[in-house]
Amino acid sequence: MTIRKATQNDLTDIVAIYNETIPGRMVTADTEEVSVADRQVWFDSHTQKRPIFVFEQQGKVLAWLSYKSFYGRPAYDGTVEISIYITQQAQGQGLGKQLLTFSEQHAKTLDIKVLLAFIFSHNLPSIKLFNRFDYKVWGELPDIAIMDDKAYSLTILGKRLDR
């Protein structure tokens, strides 16, 4: 098992894992699959300061995590949104815990002081995972996503790493 920085060669796997989540309406607000070309600019926007990592086992990418700057203003430079995506066949095996532990440890090397997670309020497995790591609800945006003619709320979870 290896967690390493993503390379351009990983983008196809990253997109495939992302696309797996779309039909379930639990993880992303995208409603149609995206292509590798659609995600290229997003991928390129991740730098040494805000990298993407992949979790690889026996040469196969099973998950990825990314850091994204929050709000793009200098005063928020130490605040970052994290995203974790795990392929369906690897879910429920403790990989989320490993990636969240790694993300917190690595965040400190990037001078990140606050991690945020934007999670659909009905995605209880993800909310429970973050709660186990002492993330607190910092807000909820009620019924802001409409998918398949249904409204979904978004929970904002946060954790300070510098305390």
C-alpha atoms as a PDB file:
ATOM      1  CA  MET A   1       0.000   0.000   0.000  1.00  0.00           C
ATOM      2  CA  THR A   2       1.332   3.376  -1.044  1.00  0.00           C
ATOM      3  CA  ILE A   3       0.102   6.926  -0.753  1.00  0.00           C
ATOM      4  CA  ARG A   4       1.908   9.130  -3.242  1.00  0.00           C
ATOM      5  CA  LYS A   5       1.475  12.368  -5.150  1.00  0.00           C
ATOM      6  CA  ALA A   6      -0.659  11.966  -8.216  1.00  0.00           C
ATOM      7  CA  THR A   7       0.874  12.268 -11.649  1.00  0.00           C
ATOM      8  CA  GLN A   8      -0.706  12.981 -15.008  1.00  0.00           C
ATOM      9  CA  ASN A   9      -0.798   9.215 -15.592  1.00  0.00           C
ATOM     10  CA  ASP A  10      -3.179   8.858 -12.620  1.00  0.00           C
ATOM     11  CA  LEU A  11      -5.814  11.234 -13.970  1.00  0.00           C
ATOM     12  CA  THR A  12      -7.709   8.495 -15.810  1.00  0.00           C
ATOM     13  CA  ASP A  13      -8.040   6.482 -12.570  1.00  0.00           C
ATOM     14  CA  ILE A  14      -8.941   9.589 -10.571  1.00  0.00           C
ATOM     15  CA  VAL A  15     -11.735  10.409 -13.019  1.00  0.00           C
ATOM     16  CA  ALA A  16     -12.977   6.803 -13.059  1.00  0.00           C
ATOM     17  CA  ILE A  17     -13.246   6.740  -9.251  1.00  0.00           C
ATOM     18  CA  TYR A  18     -14.979  10.134  -9.289  1.00  0.00           C
ATOM     19  CA  ASN A  19     -17.456   8.984 -11.946  1.00  0.00           C
ATOM     20  CA  GLU A  20     -18.338   5.903  -9.868  1.00  0.00           C
ATOM     21  CA  THR A  21     -19.773   8.213  -7.212  1.00  0.00           C
ATOM     22  CA  ILE A  22     -22.110  10.199  -9.467  1.00  0.00           C
ATOM     23  CA  PRO A  23     -25.065   7.770  -9.778  1.00  0.00           C
ATOM     24  CA  GLY A  24     -25.353   7.291  -6.002  1.00  0.00           C
ATOM     25  CA  ARG A  25     -26.032  11.007  -5.397  1.00  0.00           C
ATOM     26  CA  MET A  26     -24.109  10.746  -2.110  1.00  0.00           C
ATOM     27  CA  VAL A  27     -20.751  12.324  -2.827  1.00  0.00           C
ATOM     28  CA  THR A  28     -20.720  14.852  -5.667  1.00  0.00           C
ATOM     29  CA  ALA A  29     -23.147  17.361  -7.111  1.00  0.00           C
ATOM     30  CA  ASP A  30     -22.133  16.420 -10.639  1.00  0.00           C
ATOM     31  CA  THR A  31     -25.049  14.649 -12.264  1.00  0.00           C
ATOM     32  CA  GLU A  32     -23.321  13.390 -15.416  1.00  0.00           C
ATOM     33  CA  GLU A  33     -19.982  11.664 -15.848  1.00  0.00           C
ATOM     34  CA  VAL A  34     -16.970  13.855 -16.506  1.00  0.00           C
ATOM     35  CA  SER A  35     -14.150  13.130 -18.918  1.00  0.00           C
ATOM     36  CA  VAL A  36     -10.428  13.233 -18.368  1.00  0.00           C
ATOM     37  CA  ALA A  37     -10.358  16.344 -20.566  1.00  0.00           C
ATOM     38  CA  ASP A  38     -13.055  17.940 -18.378  1.00  0.00           C
ATOM     39  CA  ARG A  39     -10.870  17.448 -15.293  1.00  0.00           C
ATOM     40  CA  GLN A  40      -7.511  18.457 -16.777  1.00  0.00           C
ATOM     41  CA  VAL A  41      -7.664  22.114 -15.690  1.00  0.00           C
ATOM     42  CA  TRP A  42      -8.746  21.025 -12.201  1.00  0.00           C
ATOM     43  CA  PHE A  43      -5.860  18.547 -12.054  1.00  0.00           C
ATOM     44  CA  ASP A  44      -3.361  21.144 -13.276  1.00  0.00           C
ATOM     45  CA  SER A  45      -4.547  23.629 -10.640  1.00  0.00           C
ATOM     46  CA  HIS A  46      -3.186  21.377  -7.898  1.00  0.00           C
ATOM     47  CA  THR A  47       0.337  22.397  -7.026  1.00  0.00           C
ATOM     48  CA  GLN A  48       2.995  21.453  -4.513  1.00  0.00           C
ATOM     49  CA  LYS A  49       1.089  23.665  -2.084  1.00  0.00           C
ATOM     50  CA  ARG A  50      -2.301  21.991  -2.803  1.00  0.00           C
ATOM     51  CA  PRO A  51      -1.497  18.500  -4.125  1.00  0.00           C
ATOM     52  CA  ILE A  52      -3.557  15.479  -5.065  1.00  0.00           C
ATOM     53  CA  PHE A  53      -2.539  12.105  -3.650  1.00  0.00           C
ATOM     54  CA  VAL A  54      -3.465   8.616  -4.750  1.00  0.00           C
ATOM     55  CA  PHE A  55      -3.677   5.458  -2.684  1.00  0.00           C
ATOM     56  CA  GLU A  56      -2.239   2.590  -4.658  1.00  0.00           C
ATOM     57  CA  GLN A  57      -2.233  -1.115  -3.892  1.00  0.00           C
ATOM     58  CA  GLN A  58      -0.503  -3.661  -6.116  1.00  0.00           C
ATOM     59  CA  GLY A  59      -0.178  -1.059  -8.855  1.00  0.00           C
ATOM     60  CA  LYS A  60      -3.887  -0.143  -8.849  1.00  0.00           C
ATOM     61  CA  VAL A  61      -5.219   3.256  -7.740  1.00  0.00           C
ATOM     62  CA  LEU A  62      -8.019   2.619  -5.236  1.00  0.00           C
ATOM     63  CA  ALA A  63      -8.556   6.129  -3.873  1.00  0.00           C
ATOM     64  CA  TRP A  64      -7.464   9.715  -4.050  1.00  0.00           C
ATOM     65  CA  LEU A  65      -7.503  12.807  -1.904  1.00  0.00           C
ATOM     66  CA  SER A  66      -7.039  16.434  -2.764  1.00  0.00           C
ATOM     67  CA  TYR A  67      -6.490  19.725  -1.019  1.00  0.00           C
ATOM     68  CA  LYS A  68      -8.200  22.841  -2.377  1.00  0.00           C
ATOM     69  CA  SER A  69      -7.615  26.384  -1.189  1.00  0.00           C
ATOM     70  CA  PHE A  70     -10.659  27.909   0.445  1.00  0.00           C
ATOM     71  CA  TYR A  71     -12.116  31.058  -1.035  1.00  0.00           C
ATOM     72  CA  GLY A  72      -8.902  32.247  -2.717  1.00  0.00           C
ATOM     73  CA  ARG A  73      -8.135  35.175  -0.407  1.00  0.00           C
ATOM     74  CA  PRO A  74      -4.795  35.573   1.426  1.00  0.00           C
ATOM     75  CA  ALA A  75      -6.369  35.625   4.885  1.00  0.00           C
ATOM     76  CA  TYR A  76      -7.720  32.115   4.260  1.00  0.00           C
ATOM     77  CA  ASP A  77      -4.391  30.690   3.070  1.00  0.00           C
ATOM     78  CA  GLY A  78      -4.194  28.249   5.989  1.00  0.00           C
ATOM     79  CA  THR A  79      -7.723  26.935   5.363  1.00  0.00           C
ATOM     80  CA  VAL A  80      -8.205  24.098   2.911  1.00  0.00           C
ATOM     81  CA  GLU A  81     -11.034  21.891   1.713  1.00  0.00           C
ATOM     82  CA  ILE A  82     -10.187  18.214   1.517  1.00  0.00           C
ATOM     83  CA  SER A  83     -11.873  15.679  -0.692  1.00  0.00           C
ATOM     84  CA  ILE A  84     -11.527  11.920  -0.419  1.00  0.00           C
ATOM     85  CA  TYR A  85     -12.819   9.507  -3.047  1.00  0.00           C
ATOM     86  CA  ILE A  86     -12.569   5.721  -2.755  1.00  0.00           C
ATOM     87  CA  THR A  87     -13.416   3.195  -5.450  1.00  0.00           C
ATOM     88  CA  GLN A  88     -16.500   1.153  -4.600  1.00  0.00           C
ATOM     89  CA  GLN A  89     -14.615  -2.143  -4.328  1.00  0.00           C
ATOM     90  CA  ALA A  90     -12.312  -0.698  -1.641  1.00  0.00           C
ATOM     91  CA  GLN A  91     -14.955   0.988   0.513  1.00  0.00           C
ATOM     92  CA  GLY A  92     -15.589  -0.270   4.037  1.00  0.00           C
ATOM     93  CA  GLN A  93     -12.018  -1.506   4.494  1.00  0.00           C
ATOM     94  CA  GLY A  94     -10.637   1.323   6.622  1.00  0.00           C
ATOM     95  CA  LEU A  95      -9.131   3.217   3.721  1.00  0.00           C
ATOM     96  CA  GLY A  96     -11.035   6.398   4.604  1.00  0.00           C
ATOM     97  CA  LYS A  97      -9.428   6.379   8.056  1.00  0.00           C
ATOM     98  CA  GLN A  98      -5.971   5.916   6.559  1.00  0.00           C
ATOM     99  CA  LEU A  99      -6.475   8.732   4.072  1.00  0.00           C
ATOM    100  CA  LEU A 100      -7.918  11.115   6.638  1.00  0.00           C
ATOM    101  CA  THR A 101      -5.022  10.409   9.012  1.00  0.00           C
ATOM    102  CA  PHE A 102      -2.565  10.981   6.170  1.00  0.00           C
ATOM    103  CA  SER A 103      -4.327  14.159   5.061  1.00  0.00           C
ATOM    104  CA  GLU A 104      -4.088  15.685   8.528  1.00  0.00           C
ATOM    105  CA  GLN A 105      -0.430  14.730   8.965  1.00  0.00           C
ATOM    106  CA  HIS A 106       0.543  15.985   5.527  1.00  0.00           C
ATOM    107  CA  ALA A 107      -1.504  19.174   5.897  1.00  0.00           C
ATOM    108  CA  LYS A 108       0.817  20.294   8.668  1.00  0.00           C
ATOM    109  CA  THR A 109       3.782  20.116   6.266  1.00  0.00           C
ATOM    110  CA  LEU A 110       1.869  22.472   3.940  1.00  0.00           C
ATOM    111  CA  ASP A 111       1.216  25.000   6.734  1.00  0.00           C
ATOM    112  CA  ILE A 112      -2.493  24.199   6.690  1.00  0.00           C
ATOM    113  CA  LYS A 113      -4.184  25.159   9.932  1.00  0.00           C
ATOM    114  CA  VAL A 114      -7.822  24.324   9.165  1.00  0.00           C
ATOM    115  CA  LEU A 115      -9.349  21.479   7.182  1.00  0.00           C
ATOM    116  CA  LEU A 116     -12.883  21.706   5.845  1.00  0.00           C
ATOM    117  CA  ALA A 117     -15.057  18.987   4.385  1.00  0.00           C
ATOM    118  CA  PHE A 118     -18.197  19.758   2.383  1.00  0.00           C
ATOM    119  CA  ILE A 119     -20.362  16.638   2.660  1.00  0.00           C
ATOM    120  CA  PHE A 120     -23.943  16.034   1.599  1.00  0.00           C
ATOM    121  CA  SER A 121     -25.978  15.896   4.806  1.00  0.00           C
ATOM    122  CA  HIS A 122     -27.443  12.512   3.853  1.00  0.00           C
ATOM    123  CA  ASN A 123     -23.959  10.988   3.413  1.00  0.00           C
ATOM    124  CA  LEU A 124     -23.911   9.585   6.936  1.00  0.00           C
ATOM    125  CA  PRO A 125     -20.927   7.230   6.444  1.00  0.00           C
ATOM    126  CA  SER A 126     -18.682  10.151   5.491  1.00  0.00           C
ATOM    127  CA  ILE A 127     -20.022  12.385   8.257  1.00  0.00           C
ATOM    128  CA  LYS A 128     -19.444   9.603  10.801  1.00  0.00           C
ATOM    129  CA  LEU A 129     -15.883   9.138   9.546  1.00  0.00           C
ATOM    130  CA  PHE A 130     -15.067  12.819   9.961  1.00  0.00           C
ATOM    131  CA  ASN A 131     -16.802  12.936  13.353  1.00  0.00           C
ATOM    132  CA  ARG A 132     -14.529  10.102  14.532  1.00  0.00           C
ATOM    133  CA  PHE A 133     -11.617  12.397  13.726  1.00  0.00           C
ATOM    134  CA  ASP A 134     -13.109  15.217  15.823  1.00  0.00           C
ATOM    135  CA  TYR A 135     -14.436  17.300  12.945  1.00  0.00           C
ATOM    136  CA  LYS A 136     -17.340  19.470  14.045  1.00  0.00           C
ATOM    137  CA  VAL A 137     -20.322  20.751  12.129  1.00  0.00           C
ATOM    138  CA  TRP A 138     -19.528  24.353  11.288  1.00  0.00           C
ATOM    139  CA  GLY A 139     -22.580  24.910   9.144  1.00  0.00           C
ATOM    140  CA  GLU A 140     -25.282  23.510   6.943  1.00  0.00           C
ATOM    141  CA  LEU A 141     -26.567  24.840   3.659  1.00  0.00           C
ATOM    142  CA  PRO A 142     -30.131  23.522   3.446  1.00  0.00           C
ATOM    143  CA  ASP A 143     -31.497  22.159   0.182  1.00  0.00           C
ATOM    144  CA  ILE A 144     -28.934  23.831  -2.067  1.00  0.00           C
ATOM    145  CA  ALA A 145     -28.343  20.970  -4.506  1.00  0.00           C
ATOM    146  CA  ILE A 146     -31.094  19.736  -6.795  1.00  0.00           C
ATOM    147  CA  MET A 147     -30.541  16.318  -8.330  1.00  0.00           C
ATOM    148  CA  ASP A 148     -33.247  14.207  -9.922  1.00  0.00           C
ATOM    149  CA  ASP A 149     -35.837  16.760  -8.775  1.00  0.00           C
ATOM    150  CA  LYS A 150     -34.844  16.273  -5.121  1.00  0.00           C
ATOM    151  CA  ALA A 151     -33.233  18.840  -2.845  1.00  0.00           C
ATOM    152  CA  TYR A 152     -30.116  17.957  -0.865  1.00  0.00           C
ATOM    153  CA  SER A 153     -28.405  19.815   1.957  1.00  0.00           C
ATOM    154  CA  LEU A 154     -24.675  20.292   2.408  1.00  0.00           C
ATOM    155  CA  THR A 155     -22.958  19.981   5.782  1.00  0.00           C
ATOM    156  CA  ILE A 156     -19.707  21.841   6.374  1.00  0.00           C
ATOM    157  CA  LEU A 157     -17.378  20.083   8.789  1.00  0.00           C
ATOM    158  CA  GLY A 158     -14.203  21.658  10.096  1.00  0.00           C
ATOM    159  CA  LYS A 159     -11.203  20.959  12.255  1.00  0.00           C
ATOM    160  CA  ARG A 160      -8.340  23.147  13.454  1.00  0.00           C
ATOM    161  CA  LEU A 161      -4.999  21.380  13.216  1.00  0.00           C
ATOM    162  CA  ASP A 162      -2.956  23.951  15.121  1.00  0.00           C
ATOM    163  CA  ARG A 163      -4.457  23.370  18.547  1.00  0.00           C
END
